[in-house]
Amino acid sequence: MSIAVSDEAARWYKKELSLAEGDAVRFYARYSSNSEIHPGFSLGISVEPPVSPALTQDVENIHFYMEDQDLWYINGYRLNVEYIEHEDDIRYAYMPESQ
């Protein structure tokens, strides 16, 4: 399991969430209509300091992380967070660890 946030995606988060250097963005599992890996759940984000981070990556002076309690959501996957320029939006790509 891992998370990888592209530089472009990190800049998008900074702009959209008005983040300052040193801020932290949490990825977490939340109830939702659907996702490609877990029906009834999707990936949520929040700006908050980590408590028990299990996966982390620092990009563009922003700390991206996933707490230990949410790891089940990407178990067996690598989460790639990418910026899609023509949509001016983020895409979450779940890559099986075996690839």
PDB file of N, CA and C in Angstrom:
ATOM      1  N   MET A   1       0.844  -1.186   0.000  1.00  0.00           N
ATOM      2  CA  MET A   1       0.000   0.000   0.000  1.00  0.00           C
ATOM      3  C   MET A   1       0.881   1.238   0.000  1.00  0.00           C
ATOM      4  N   SER A   2       0.440   2.207  -0.747  1.00  0.00           N
ATOM      5  CA  SER A   2       1.165   3.480  -0.763  1.00  0.00           C
ATOM      6  C   SER A   2       0.256   4.553  -1.335  1.00  0.00           C
ATOM      7  N   ILE A   3       0.646   5.792  -1.077  1.00  0.00           N
ATOM      8  CA  ILE A   3      -0.018   6.923  -1.720  1.00  0.00           C
ATOM      9  C   ILE A   3       1.055   7.714  -2.456  1.00  0.00           C
ATOM     10  N   ALA A   4       0.698   8.196  -3.634  1.00  0.00           N
ATOM     11  CA  ALA A   4       1.610   9.013  -4.425  1.00  0.00           C
ATOM     12  C   ALA A   4       0.815  10.192  -4.976  1.00  0.00           C
ATOM     13  N   VAL A   5       1.155  11.374  -4.537  1.00  0.00           N
ATOM     14  CA  VAL A   5       0.488  12.603  -4.972  1.00  0.00           C
ATOM     15  C   VAL A   5       1.431  13.323  -5.927  1.00  0.00           C
ATOM     16  N   SER A   6       0.968  13.591  -7.144  1.00  0.00           N
ATOM     17  CA  SER A   6       1.820  14.289  -8.110  1.00  0.00           C
ATOM     18  C   SER A   6       2.003  15.747  -7.680  1.00  0.00           C
ATOM     19  N   ASP A   7       3.064  16.362  -8.179  1.00  0.00           N
ATOM     20  CA  ASP A   7       3.312  17.779  -7.883  1.00  0.00           C
ATOM     21  C   ASP A   7       2.138  18.641  -8.334  1.00  0.00           C
ATOM     22  N   GLU A   8       1.616  18.332  -9.525  1.00  0.00           N
ATOM     23  CA  GLU A   8       0.496  19.103 -10.063  1.00  0.00           C
ATOM     24  C   GLU A   8      -0.754  18.956  -9.181  1.00  0.00           C
ATOM     25  N   ALA A   9      -0.996  17.744  -8.699  1.00  0.00           N
ATOM     26  CA  ALA A   9      -2.145  17.514  -7.817  1.00  0.00           C
ATOM     27  C   ALA A   9      -1.969  18.286  -6.505  1.00  0.00           C
ATOM     28  N   ALA A  10      -0.765  18.281  -5.971  1.00  0.00           N
ATOM     29  CA  ALA A  10      -0.508  19.017  -4.726  1.00  0.00           C
ATOM     30  C   ALA A  10      -0.758  20.511  -4.918  1.00  0.00           C
ATOM     31  N   ARG A  11      -0.337  21.048  -6.061  1.00  0.00           N
ATOM     32  CA  ARG A  11      -0.590  22.472  -6.329  1.00  0.00           C
ATOM     33  C   ARG A  11      -2.090  22.749  -6.445  1.00  0.00           C
ATOM     34  N   TRP A  12      -2.841  21.811  -7.038  1.00  0.00           N
ATOM     35  CA  TRP A  12      -4.294  21.959  -7.148  1.00  0.00           C
ATOM     36  C   TRP A  12      -4.925  21.998  -5.754  1.00  0.00           C
ATOM     37  N   TYR A  13      -4.516  21.081  -4.869  1.00  0.00           N
ATOM     38  CA  TYR A  13      -5.039  21.084  -3.496  1.00  0.00           C
ATOM     39  C   TYR A  13      -4.705  22.397  -2.802  1.00  0.00           C
ATOM     40  N   LYS A  14      -3.479  22.892  -2.970  1.00  0.00           N
ATOM     41  CA  LYS A  14      -3.091  24.156  -2.339  1.00  0.00           C
ATOM     42  C   LYS A  14      -4.016  25.283  -2.780  1.00  0.00           C
ATOM     43  N   LYS A  15      -4.310  25.325  -4.079  1.00  0.00           N
ATOM     44  CA  LYS A  15      -5.169  26.376  -4.612  1.00  0.00           C
ATOM     45  C   LYS A  15      -6.616  26.202  -4.150  1.00  0.00           C
ATOM     46  N   GLU A  16      -7.167  25.012  -4.325  1.00  0.00           N
ATOM     47  CA  GLU A  16      -8.581  24.769  -4.042  1.00  0.00           C
ATOM     48  C   GLU A  16      -8.914  24.830  -2.549  1.00  0.00           C
ATOM     49  N   LEU A  17      -7.992  24.412  -1.707  1.00  0.00           N
ATOM     50  CA  LEU A  17      -8.251  24.368  -0.261  1.00  0.00           C
ATOM     51  C   LEU A  17      -7.564  25.505   0.491  1.00  0.00           C
ATOM     52  N   SER A  18      -6.944  26.423  -0.235  1.00  0.00           N
ATOM     53  CA  SER A  18      -6.227  27.560   0.370  1.00  0.00           C
ATOM     54  C   SER A  18      -5.233  27.071   1.431  1.00  0.00           C
ATOM     55  N   LEU A  19      -4.416  26.100   1.053  1.00  0.00           N
ATOM     56  CA  LEU A  19      -3.458  25.511   1.987  1.00  0.00           C
ATOM     57  C   LEU A  19      -2.210  26.372   2.101  1.00  0.00           C
ATOM     58  N   ALA A  20      -1.632  26.360   3.282  1.00  0.00           N
ATOM     59  CA  ALA A  20      -0.361  27.033   3.535  1.00  0.00           C
ATOM     60  C   ALA A  20       0.717  25.973   3.722  1.00  0.00           C
ATOM     61  N   GLU A  21       1.963  26.373   3.559  1.00  0.00           N
ATOM     62  CA  GLU A  21       3.065  25.435   3.777  1.00  0.00           C
ATOM     63  C   GLU A  21       2.931  24.803   5.150  1.00  0.00           C
ATOM     64  N   GLY A  22       3.125  23.488   5.188  1.00  0.00           N
ATOM     65  CA  GLY A  22       3.050  22.759   6.445  1.00  0.00           C
ATOM     66  C   GLY A  22       1.673  22.210   6.771  1.00  0.00           C
ATOM     67  N   ASP A  23       0.633  22.595   6.010  1.00  0.00           N
ATOM     68  CA  ASP A  23      -0.703  22.038   6.241  1.00  0.00           C
ATOM     69  C   ASP A  23      -0.713  20.548   5.898  1.00  0.00           C
ATOM     70  N   ALA A  24      -1.712  19.852   6.415  1.00  0.00           N
ATOM     71  CA  ALA A  24      -1.830  18.412   6.193  1.00  0.00           C
ATOM     72  C   ALA A  24      -3.192  18.089   5.594  1.00  0.00           C
ATOM     73  N   VAL A  25      -3.188  17.192   4.606  1.00  0.00           N
ATOM     74  CA  VAL A  25      -4.411  16.731   3.956  1.00  0.00           C
ATOM     75  C   VAL A  25      -4.549  15.240   4.237  1.00  0.00           C
ATOM     76  N   ARG A  26      -5.668  14.891   4.829  1.00  0.00           N
ATOM     77  CA  ARG A  26      -5.947  13.495   5.169  1.00  0.00           C
ATOM     78  C   ARG A  26      -6.840  12.875   4.099  1.00  0.00           C
ATOM     79  N   PHE A  27      -6.473  11.673   3.648  1.00  0.00           N
ATOM     80  CA  PHE A  27      -7.334  10.850   2.805  1.00  0.00           C
ATOM     81  C   PHE A  27      -7.981   9.825   3.717  1.00  0.00           C
ATOM     82  N   TYR A  28      -9.301   9.647   3.592  1.00  0.00           N
ATOM     83  CA  TYR A  28      -9.981   8.696   4.467  1.00  0.00           C
ATOM     84  C   TYR A  28     -11.150   8.036   3.730  1.00  0.00           C
ATOM     85  N   ALA A  29     -11.552   6.879   4.244  1.00  0.00           N
ATOM     86  CA  ALA A  29     -12.700   6.163   3.688  1.00  0.00           C
ATOM     87  C   ALA A  29     -13.970   6.762   4.270  1.00  0.00           C
ATOM     88  N   ARG A  30     -14.958   6.972   3.395  1.00  0.00           N
ATOM     89  CA  ARG A  30     -16.230   7.531   3.865  1.00  0.00           C
ATOM     90  C   ARG A  30     -17.376   6.821   3.163  1.00  0.00           C
ATOM     91  N   TYR A  31     -18.526   6.812   3.816  1.00  0.00           N
ATOM     92  CA  TYR A  31     -19.724   6.265   3.186  1.00  0.00           C
ATOM     93  C   TYR A  31     -20.086   7.136   1.996  1.00  0.00           C
ATOM     94  N   SER A  32     -20.405   6.480   0.897  1.00  0.00           N
ATOM     95  CA  SER A  32     -20.746   7.212  -0.317  1.00  0.00           C
ATOM     96  C   SER A  32     -21.461   6.261  -1.263  1.00  0.00           C
ATOM     97  N   SER A  33     -21.822   6.760  -2.414  1.00  0.00           N
ATOM     98  CA  SER A  33     -22.566   5.934  -3.354  1.00  0.00           C
ATOM     99  C   SER A  33     -21.727   4.822  -3.951  1.00  0.00           C
ATOM    100  N   ASN A  34     -20.470   5.099  -4.259  1.00  0.00           N
ATOM    101  CA  ASN A  34     -19.699   4.062  -4.932  1.00  0.00           C
ATOM    102  C   ASN A  34     -18.256   4.486  -5.150  1.00  0.00           C
ATOM    103  N   SER A  35     -17.401   3.494  -5.318  1.00  0.00           N
ATOM    104  CA  SER A  35     -16.034   3.686  -5.789  1.00  0.00           C
ATOM    105  C   SER A  35     -15.682   2.461  -6.603  1.00  0.00           C
ATOM    106  N   GLU A  36     -14.596   2.553  -7.321  1.00  0.00           N
ATOM    107  CA  GLU A  36     -14.232   1.415  -8.156  1.00  0.00           C
ATOM    108  C   GLU A  36     -13.676   0.241  -7.363  1.00  0.00           C
ATOM    109  N   ILE A  37     -13.320   0.444  -6.095  1.00  0.00           N
ATOM    110  CA  ILE A  37     -12.762  -0.672  -5.318  1.00  0.00           C
ATOM    111  C   ILE A  37     -13.634  -1.109  -4.144  1.00  0.00           C
ATOM    112  N   HIS A  38     -14.533  -0.264  -3.660  1.00  0.00           N
ATOM    113  CA  HIS A  38     -15.402  -0.616  -2.527  1.00  0.00           C
ATOM    114  C   HIS A  38     -16.795  -0.021  -2.724  1.00  0.00           C
ATOM    115  N   PRO A  39     -17.763  -0.815  -3.160  1.00  0.00           N
ATOM    116  CA  PRO A  39     -19.134  -0.300  -3.285  1.00  0.00           C
ATOM    117  C   PRO A  39     -19.627   0.252  -1.943  1.00  0.00           C
ATOM    118  N   GLY A  40     -20.262   1.414  -1.997  1.00  0.00           N
ATOM    119  CA  GLY A  40     -20.799   2.040  -0.792  1.00  0.00           C
ATOM    120  C   GLY A  40     -19.817   2.946  -0.071  1.00  0.00           C
ATOM    121  N   PHE A  41     -18.581   3.040  -0.569  1.00  0.00           N
ATOM    122  CA  PHE A  41     -17.566   3.895   0.051  1.00  0.00           C
ATOM    123  C   PHE A  41     -16.832   4.672  -1.031  1.00  0.00           C
ATOM    124  N   SER A  42     -16.246   5.776  -0.635  1.00  0.00           N
ATOM    125  CA  SER A  42     -15.370   6.521  -1.535  1.00  0.00           C
ATOM    126  C   SER A  42     -14.276   7.173  -0.703  1.00  0.00           C
ATOM    127  N   LEU A  43     -13.356   7.810  -1.388  1.00  0.00           N
ATOM    128  CA  LEU A  43     -12.255   8.471  -0.714  1.00  0.00           C
ATOM    129  C   LEU A  43     -12.653   9.902  -0.383  1.00  0.00           C
ATOM    130  N   GLY A  44     -12.510  10.271   0.871  1.00  0.00           N
ATOM    131  CA  GLY A  44     -12.762  11.636   1.302  1.00  0.00           C
ATOM    132  C   GLY A  44     -11.459  12.326   1.626  1.00  0.00           C
ATOM    133  N   ILE A  45     -11.510  13.653   1.738  1.00  0.00           N
ATOM    134  CA  ILE A  45     -10.334  14.422   2.147  1.00  0.00           C
ATOM    135  C   ILE A  45     -10.745  15.420   3.222  1.00  0.00           C
ATOM    136  N   SER A  46      -9.806  15.737   4.068  1.00  0.00           N
ATOM    137  CA  SER A  46     -10.013  16.796   5.047  1.00  0.00           C
ATOM    138  C   SER A  46      -8.659  17.429   5.356  1.00  0.00           C
ATOM    139  N   VAL A  47      -8.703  18.660   5.786  1.00  0.00           N
ATOM    140  CA  VAL A  47      -7.486  19.363   6.190  1.00  0.00           C
ATOM    141  C   VAL A  47      -7.436  19.296   7.708  1.00  0.00           C
ATOM    142  N   GLU A  48      -6.529  18.475   8.201  1.00  0.00           N
ATOM    143  CA  GLU A  48      -6.397  18.282   9.651  1.00  0.00           C
ATOM    144  C   GLU A  48      -5.044  17.650   9.950  1.00  0.00           C
ATOM    145  N   PRO A  49      -4.514  17.898  11.137  1.00  0.00           N
ATOM    146  CA  PRO A  49      -3.221  17.296  11.479  1.00  0.00           C
ATOM    147  C   PRO A  49      -3.360  15.795  11.721  1.00  0.00           C
ATOM    148  N   PRO A  50      -2.309  15.034  11.417  1.00  0.00           N
ATOM    149  CA  PRO A  50      -2.364  13.595  11.626  1.00  0.00           C
ATOM    150  C   PRO A  50      -2.369  13.222  13.107  1.00  0.00           C
ATOM    151  N   VAL A  51      -3.014  12.076  13.379  1.00  0.00           N
ATOM    152  CA  VAL A  51      -3.034  11.511  14.728  1.00  0.00           C
ATOM    153  C   VAL A  51      -2.220  10.226  14.750  1.00  0.00           C
ATOM    154  N   SER A  52      -2.549   9.307  13.853  1.00  0.00           N
ATOM    155  CA  SER A  52      -1.848   8.034  13.757  1.00  0.00           C
ATOM    156  C   SER A  52      -1.618   7.701  12.279  1.00  0.00           C
ATOM    157  N   PRO A  53      -0.761   8.495  11.611  1.00  0.00           N
ATOM    158  CA  PRO A  53      -0.578   8.309  10.173  1.00  0.00           C
ATOM    159  C   PRO A  53       0.153   7.004   9.855  1.00  0.00           C
ATOM    160  N   ALA A  54      -0.350   6.311   8.846  1.00  0.00           N
ATOM    161  CA  ALA A  54       0.275   5.057   8.427  1.00  0.00           C
ATOM    162  C   ALA A  54       0.996   5.226   7.093  1.00  0.00           C
ATOM    163  N   LEU A  55       0.407   5.990   6.186  1.00  0.00           N
ATOM    164  CA  LEU A  55       1.025   6.293   4.898  1.00  0.00           C
ATOM    165  C   LEU A  55       1.154   7.804   4.781  1.00  0.00           C
ATOM    166  N   THR A  56       2.304   8.269   4.349  1.00  0.00           N
ATOM    167  CA  THR A  56       2.518   9.709   4.242  1.00  0.00           C
ATOM    168  C   THR A  56       3.321  10.044   2.988  1.00  0.00           C
ATOM    169  N   GLN A  57       3.150  11.252   2.529  1.00  0.00           N
ATOM    170  CA  GLN A  57       3.982  11.804   1.471  1.00  0.00           C
ATOM    171  C   GLN A  57       3.935  13.317   1.588  1.00  0.00           C
ATOM    172  N   ASP A  58       5.094  13.951   1.509  1.00  0.00           N
ATOM    173  CA  ASP A  58       5.181  15.408   1.514  1.00  0.00           C
ATOM    174  C   ASP A  58       5.459  15.882   0.092  1.00  0.00           C
ATOM    175  N   VAL A  59       4.562  16.742  -0.408  1.00  0.00           N
ATOM    176  CA  VAL A  59       4.692  17.283  -1.765  1.00  0.00           C
ATOM    177  C   VAL A  59       4.341  18.767  -1.712  1.00  0.00           C
ATOM    178  N   GLU A  60       5.179  19.588  -2.337  1.00  0.00           N
ATOM    179  CA  GLU A  60       4.924  21.033  -2.381  1.00  0.00           C
ATOM    180  C   GLU A  60       4.730  21.610  -0.970  1.00  0.00           C
ATOM    181  N   ASN A  61       5.464  21.080  -0.005  1.00  0.00           N
ATOM    182  CA  ASN A  61       5.403  21.512   1.393  1.00  0.00           C
ATOM    183  C   ASN A  61       4.040  21.281   2.050  1.00  0.00           C
ATOM    184  N   ILE A  62       3.287  20.316   1.516  1.00  0.00           N
ATOM    185  CA  ILE A  62       2.020  19.884   2.109  1.00  0.00           C
ATOM    186  C   ILE A  62       2.186  18.424   2.509  1.00  0.00           C
ATOM    187  N   HIS A  63       1.663  18.078   3.663  1.00  0.00           N
ATOM    188  CA  HIS A  63       1.771  16.715   4.190  1.00  0.00           C
ATOM    189  C   HIS A  63       0.481  15.957   3.845  1.00  0.00           C
ATOM    190  N   PHE A  64       0.565  14.978   2.962  1.00  0.00           N
ATOM    191  CA  PHE A  64      -0.569  14.134   2.590  1.00  0.00           C
ATOM    192  C   PHE A  64      -0.428  12.823   3.350  1.00  0.00           C
ATOM    193  N   TYR A  65      -1.551  12.325   3.874  1.00  0.00           N
ATOM    194  CA  TYR A  65      -1.444  11.111   4.684  1.00  0.00           C
ATOM    195  C   TYR A  65      -2.763  10.349   4.735  1.00  0.00           C
ATOM    196  N   MET A  66      -2.643   9.114   5.219  1.00  0.00           N
ATOM    197  CA  MET A  66      -3.800   8.277   5.496  1.00  0.00           C
ATOM    198  C   MET A  66      -3.581   7.660   6.871  1.00  0.00           C
ATOM    199  N   GLU A  67      -4.589   7.773   7.717  1.00  0.00           N
ATOM    200  CA  GLU A  67      -4.510   7.225   9.069  1.00  0.00           C
ATOM    201  C   GLU A  67      -4.581   5.697   9.036  1.00  0.00           C
ATOM    202  N   ASP A  68      -4.010   5.101  10.048  1.00  0.00           N
ATOM    203  CA  ASP A  68      -3.987   3.643  10.188  1.00  0.00           C
ATOM    204  C   ASP A  68      -5.393   3.041  10.073  1.00  0.00           C
ATOM    205  N   GLN A  69      -6.380   3.679  10.667  1.00  0.00           N
ATOM    206  CA  GLN A  69      -7.750   3.152  10.690  1.00  0.00           C
ATOM    207  C   GLN A  69      -8.406   3.098   9.318  1.00  0.00           C
ATOM    208  N   ASP A  70      -7.848   3.807   8.328  1.00  0.00           N
ATOM    209  CA  ASP A  70      -8.432   3.851   6.987  1.00  0.00           C
ATOM    210  C   ASP A  70      -7.671   3.010   5.963  1.00  0.00           C
ATOM    211  N   LEU A  71      -6.631   2.332   6.379  1.00  0.00           N
ATOM    212  CA  LEU A  71      -5.827   1.565   5.433  1.00  0.00           C
ATOM    213  C   LEU A  71      -6.600   0.445   4.742  1.00  0.00           C
ATOM    214  N   TRP A  72      -7.631  -0.073   5.392  1.00  0.00           N
ATOM    215  CA  TRP A  72      -8.415  -1.151   4.777  1.00  0.00           C
ATOM    216  C   TRP A  72      -8.931  -0.731   3.405  1.00  0.00           C
ATOM    217  N   TYR A  73      -9.173   0.549   3.235  1.00  0.00           N
ATOM    218  CA  TYR A  73      -9.765   1.042   1.990  1.00  0.00           C
ATOM    219  C   TYR A  73      -8.843   0.810   0.786  1.00  0.00           C
ATOM    220  N   ILE A  74      -7.540   0.952   0.978  1.00  0.00           N
ATOM    221  CA  ILE A  74      -6.632   0.746  -0.150  1.00  0.00           C
ATOM    222  C   ILE A  74      -5.778  -0.508   0.010  1.00  0.00           C
ATOM    223  N   ASN A  75      -6.187  -1.417   0.870  1.00  0.00           N
ATOM    224  CA  ASN A  75      -5.451  -2.665   1.053  1.00  0.00           C
ATOM    225  C   ASN A  75      -5.300  -3.381  -0.293  1.00  0.00           C
ATOM    226  N   GLY A  76      -4.075  -3.655  -0.675  1.00  0.00           N
ATOM    227  CA  GLY A  76      -3.797  -4.313  -1.947  1.00  0.00           C
ATOM    228  C   GLY A  76      -3.629  -3.364  -3.122  1.00  0.00           C
ATOM    229  N   TYR A  77      -3.684  -2.050  -2.856  1.00  0.00           N
ATOM    230  CA  TYR A  77      -3.595  -1.048  -3.920  1.00  0.00           C
ATOM    231  C   TYR A  77      -2.558   0.020  -3.604  1.00  0.00           C
ATOM    232  N   ARG A  78      -2.105   0.667  -4.659  1.00  0.00           N
ATOM    233  CA  ARG A  78      -1.339   1.910  -4.547  1.00  0.00           C
ATOM    234  C   ARG A  78      -2.277   3.015  -4.999  1.00  0.00           C
ATOM    235  N   LEU A  79      -2.415   4.048  -4.198  1.00  0.00           N
ATOM    236  CA  LEU A  79      -3.264   5.182  -4.544  1.00  0.00           C
ATOM    237  C   LEU A  79      -2.413   6.245  -5.218  1.00  0.00           C
ATOM    238  N   ASN A  80      -2.735   6.534  -6.484  1.00  0.00           N
ATOM    239  CA  ASN A  80      -2.067   7.608  -7.218  1.00  0.00           C
ATOM    240  C   ASN A  80      -3.054   8.768  -7.342  1.00  0.00           C
ATOM    241  N   VAL A  81      -2.649   9.932  -6.860  1.00  0.00           N
ATOM    242  CA  VAL A  81      -3.482  11.126  -6.927  1.00  0.00           C
ATOM    243  C   VAL A  81      -2.900  12.004  -8.026  1.00  0.00           C
ATOM    244  N   GLU A  82      -3.701  12.201  -9.080  1.00  0.00           N
ATOM    245  CA  GLU A  82      -3.215  12.879 -10.273  1.00  0.00           C
ATOM    246  C   GLU A  82      -4.101  14.074 -10.601  1.00  0.00           C
ATOM    247  N   TYR A  83      -3.491  15.086 -11.200  1.00  0.00           N
ATOM    248  CA  TYR A  83      -4.223  16.252 -11.665  1.00  0.00           C
ATOM    249  C   TYR A  83      -4.559  16.064 -13.141  1.00  0.00           C
ATOM    250  N   ILE A  84      -5.834  16.290 -13.485  1.00  0.00           N
ATOM    251  CA  ILE A  84      -6.288  16.199 -14.866  1.00  0.00           C
ATOM    252  C   ILE A  84      -6.486  17.633 -15.362  1.00  0.00           C
ATOM    253  N   GLU A  85      -5.549  18.101 -16.163  1.00  0.00           N
ATOM    254  CA  GLU A  85      -5.525  19.510 -16.556  1.00  0.00           C
ATOM    255  C   GLU A  85      -6.779  19.944 -17.306  1.00  0.00           C
ATOM    256  N   HIS A  86      -7.226  19.191 -18.292  1.00  0.00           N
ATOM    257  CA  HIS A  86      -8.371  19.634 -19.096  1.00  0.00           C
ATOM    258  C   HIS A  86      -9.679  19.658 -18.315  1.00  0.00           C
ATOM    259  N   GLU A  87      -9.710  19.002 -17.156  1.00  0.00           N
ATOM    260  CA  GLU A  87     -10.890  19.043 -16.281  1.00  0.00           C
ATOM    261  C   GLU A  87     -10.672  19.949 -15.075  1.00  0.00           C
ATOM    262  N   ASP A  88      -9.433  20.391 -14.880  1.00  0.00           N
ATOM    263  CA  ASP A  88      -9.043  21.132 -13.687  1.00  0.00           C
ATOM    264  C   ASP A  88      -9.578  20.436 -12.440  1.00  0.00           C
ATOM    265  N   ASP A  89      -9.230  19.154 -12.344  1.00  0.00           N
ATOM    266  CA  ASP A  89      -9.736  18.326 -11.240  1.00  0.00           C
ATOM    267  C   ASP A  89      -8.726  17.235 -10.914  1.00  0.00           C
ATOM    268  N   ILE A  90      -9.028  16.521  -9.863  1.00  0.00           N
ATOM    269  CA  ILE A  90      -8.187  15.440  -9.360  1.00  0.00           C
ATOM    270  C   ILE A  90      -8.785  14.096  -9.754  1.00  0.00           C
ATOM    271  N   ARG A  91      -7.907  13.138 -10.008  1.00  0.00           N
ATOM    272  CA  ARG A  91      -8.337  11.757 -10.249  1.00  0.00           C
ATOM    273  C   ARG A  91      -7.597  10.855  -9.276  1.00  0.00           C
ATOM    274  N   TYR A  92      -8.351   9.936  -8.689  1.00  0.00           N
ATOM    275  CA  TYR A  92      -7.760   8.935  -7.808  1.00  0.00           C
ATOM    276  C   TYR A  92      -7.668   7.636  -8.596  1.00  0.00           C
ATOM    277  N   ALA A  93      -6.447   7.175  -8.806  1.00  0.00           N
ATOM    278  CA  ALA A  93      -6.218   5.929  -9.535  1.00  0.00           C
ATOM    279  C   ALA A  93      -5.737   4.873  -8.549  1.00  0.00           C
ATOM    280  N   TYR A  94      -6.441   3.762  -8.525  1.00  0.00           N
ATOM    281  CA  TYR A  94      -6.112   2.662  -7.633  1.00  0.00           C
ATOM    282  C   TYR A  94      -5.430   1.581  -8.452  1.00  0.00           C
ATOM    283  N   MET A  95      -4.141   1.397  -8.223  1.00  0.00           N
ATOM    284  CA  MET A  95      -3.353   0.428  -8.965  1.00  0.00           C
ATOM    285  C   MET A  95      -3.106  -0.796  -8.088  1.00  0.00           C
ATOM    286  N   PRO A  96      -3.459  -1.982  -8.575  1.00  0.00           N
ATOM    287  CA  PRO A  96      -3.165  -3.182  -7.789  1.00  0.00           C
ATOM    288  C   PRO A  96      -1.668  -3.251  -7.487  1.00  0.00           C
ATOM    289  N   GLU A  97      -1.333  -3.664  -6.286  1.00  0.00           N
ATOM    290  CA  GLU A  97       0.084  -3.729  -5.891  1.00  0.00           C
ATOM    291  C   GLU A  97       0.887  -4.673  -6.761  1.00  0.00           C
ATOM    292  N   SER A  98       0.240  -5.638  -7.381  1.00  0.00           N
ATOM    293  CA  SER A  98       0.946  -6.607  -8.201  1.00  0.00           C
ATOM    294  C   SER A  98       1.417  -6.015  -9.536  1.00  0.00           C
ATOM    295  N   GLN A  99       0.937  -4.836  -9.905  1.00  0.00           N
ATOM    296  CA  GLN A  99       1.355  -4.214 -11.185  1.00  0.00           C
ATOM    297  C   GLN A  99       2.547  -3.338 -11.000  1.00  0.00           C
TER     298      GLN A  99
END
